[in-house]
Protein backbone atom coordinates (compact mmCIF):
# COMPACT_ATOMS: atom_id res chain seq x y z
CA MET A 1 -9.31 -16.93 3.89
CA LYS A 2 -7.26 -15.88 6.60
CA TYR A 3 -8.65 -13.61 9.32
CA ASN A 4 -6.59 -11.03 10.99
CA ARG A 5 -7.05 -10.70 14.95
CA GLN A 6 -6.56 -7.60 17.20
CA GLY A 7 -7.37 -7.34 20.93
CA HIS A 8 -11.06 -6.75 20.39
CA ALA A 9 -11.61 -7.41 16.89
CA VAL A 10 -11.43 -10.02 14.03
CA PHE A 11 -11.37 -8.53 10.35
CA TYR A 12 -10.79 -9.58 6.83
CA ASN A 13 -10.74 -6.43 4.65
CA ARG A 14 -8.86 -5.74 1.52
CA TYR A 15 -8.38 -2.36 -0.28
CA HIS A 16 -7.43 -1.98 -3.68
CA LEU A 17 -5.39 1.35 -3.76
CA VAL A 18 -4.41 3.08 -7.08
CA ILE A 19 -1.77 5.68 -6.91
CA SER A 20 -1.23 7.71 -10.00
CA THR A 21 1.78 9.86 -10.70
CA LYS A 22 1.24 13.63 -11.41
CA TYR A 23 -0.02 14.62 -14.53
CA ARG A 24 0.04 10.80 -15.43
CA ARG A 25 3.83 10.94 -16.46
CA LYS A 26 5.00 7.65 -17.44
CA ILE A 27 7.94 7.05 -15.03
CA PHE A 28 7.73 3.67 -13.69
CA LYS A 29 9.84 1.94 -16.07
CA GLY A 30 12.54 -0.63 -15.36
CA GLY A 31 14.38 0.05 -11.96
CA MET A 32 11.98 2.75 -10.76
CA ALA A 33 9.15 0.34 -10.73
CA GLU A 34 11.50 -1.90 -8.51
CA TYR A 35 12.31 0.92 -6.25
CA LEU A 36 8.74 1.79 -5.64
CA LYS A 37 7.74 -1.76 -4.90
CA LEU A 38 10.45 -1.95 -2.37
CA LYS A 39 9.61 1.33 -0.86
CA ILE A 40 6.02 0.29 -0.28
CA ARG A 41 6.94 -3.20 1.17
CA GLU A 42 9.14 -1.32 3.59
CA VAL A 43 6.13 0.48 5.29
CA GLN A 44 4.77 -2.64 6.54
CA ARG A 45 7.98 -3.20 8.56
CA HIS A 46 7.34 0.19 10.24
CA HIS A 47 3.59 0.01 10.57
CA PRO A 48 2.25 -3.47 11.23
CA ASP A 49 -1.24 -2.41 11.13
CA ILE A 50 -0.84 -2.13 7.39
CA VAL A 51 -0.26 -5.34 5.60
CA ILE A 52 0.81 -5.30 1.91
CA HIS A 53 -0.61 -8.18 0.07
CA GLU A 54 0.45 -7.31 -3.55
CA VAL A 55 2.10 -4.33 -5.44
CA ASN A 56 2.01 -3.73 -9.31
CA THR A 57 2.64 -1.07 -11.32
CA ASP A 58 1.95 0.12 -14.77
CA GLN A 59 3.87 3.05 -16.51
CA ALA A 60 1.93 5.78 -14.85
CA HIS A 61 0.32 4.25 -11.71
CA ALA A 62 0.72 1.51 -9.10
CA HIS A 63 -1.77 -0.95 -7.85
CA ILE A 64 -1.56 -1.97 -4.23
CA LEU A 65 -3.69 -4.59 -2.59
CA LEU A 66 -3.68 -3.89 1.22
CA SER A 67 -5.15 -4.82 4.40
CA ILE A 68 -5.67 -1.95 7.22
CA ALA A 69 -6.47 -2.78 10.92
CA PRO A 70 -9.90 -1.18 12.01
CA LYS A 71 -8.19 1.00 14.47
CA LEU A 72 -6.54 2.80 11.74
CA ALA A 73 -8.47 5.19 9.13
CA ILE A 74 -8.12 4.46 5.52
CA ALA A 75 -7.19 8.12 4.75
CA HIS A 76 -4.42 7.87 7.46
CA ALA A 77 -3.03 4.69 6.05
CA VAL A 78 -3.02 6.31 2.42
CA THR A 79 -1.02 9.20 3.96
CA ILE A 80 1.46 6.92 5.27
CA LEU A 81 1.93 5.09 1.97
CA ASN A 82 2.26 8.43 0.16
CA ALA A 83 4.48 9.85 2.26
CA ASN A 84 6.91 7.06 2.35
CA SER A 85 6.90 6.34 -1.29
CA SER A 86 7.36 9.78 -2.45
């Protein structure tokens, strides 16, 4: 188990986030799923407080295992992920 550190905090948290498509349409097939995984991984480069551990897709939704620093609200992190992956 690896603990993350910041200036005044040591933390270990994991969030399982499920993002579904509008109307549960089955659009994540083949290259579209790989492109979504790539875009979600790019978020980590621009926002170092969000650490993406794992990304998997089904045909109608994506599963993301991530760690978020305590100084960042969970809702704000989900907004960042949705904005950068849409």
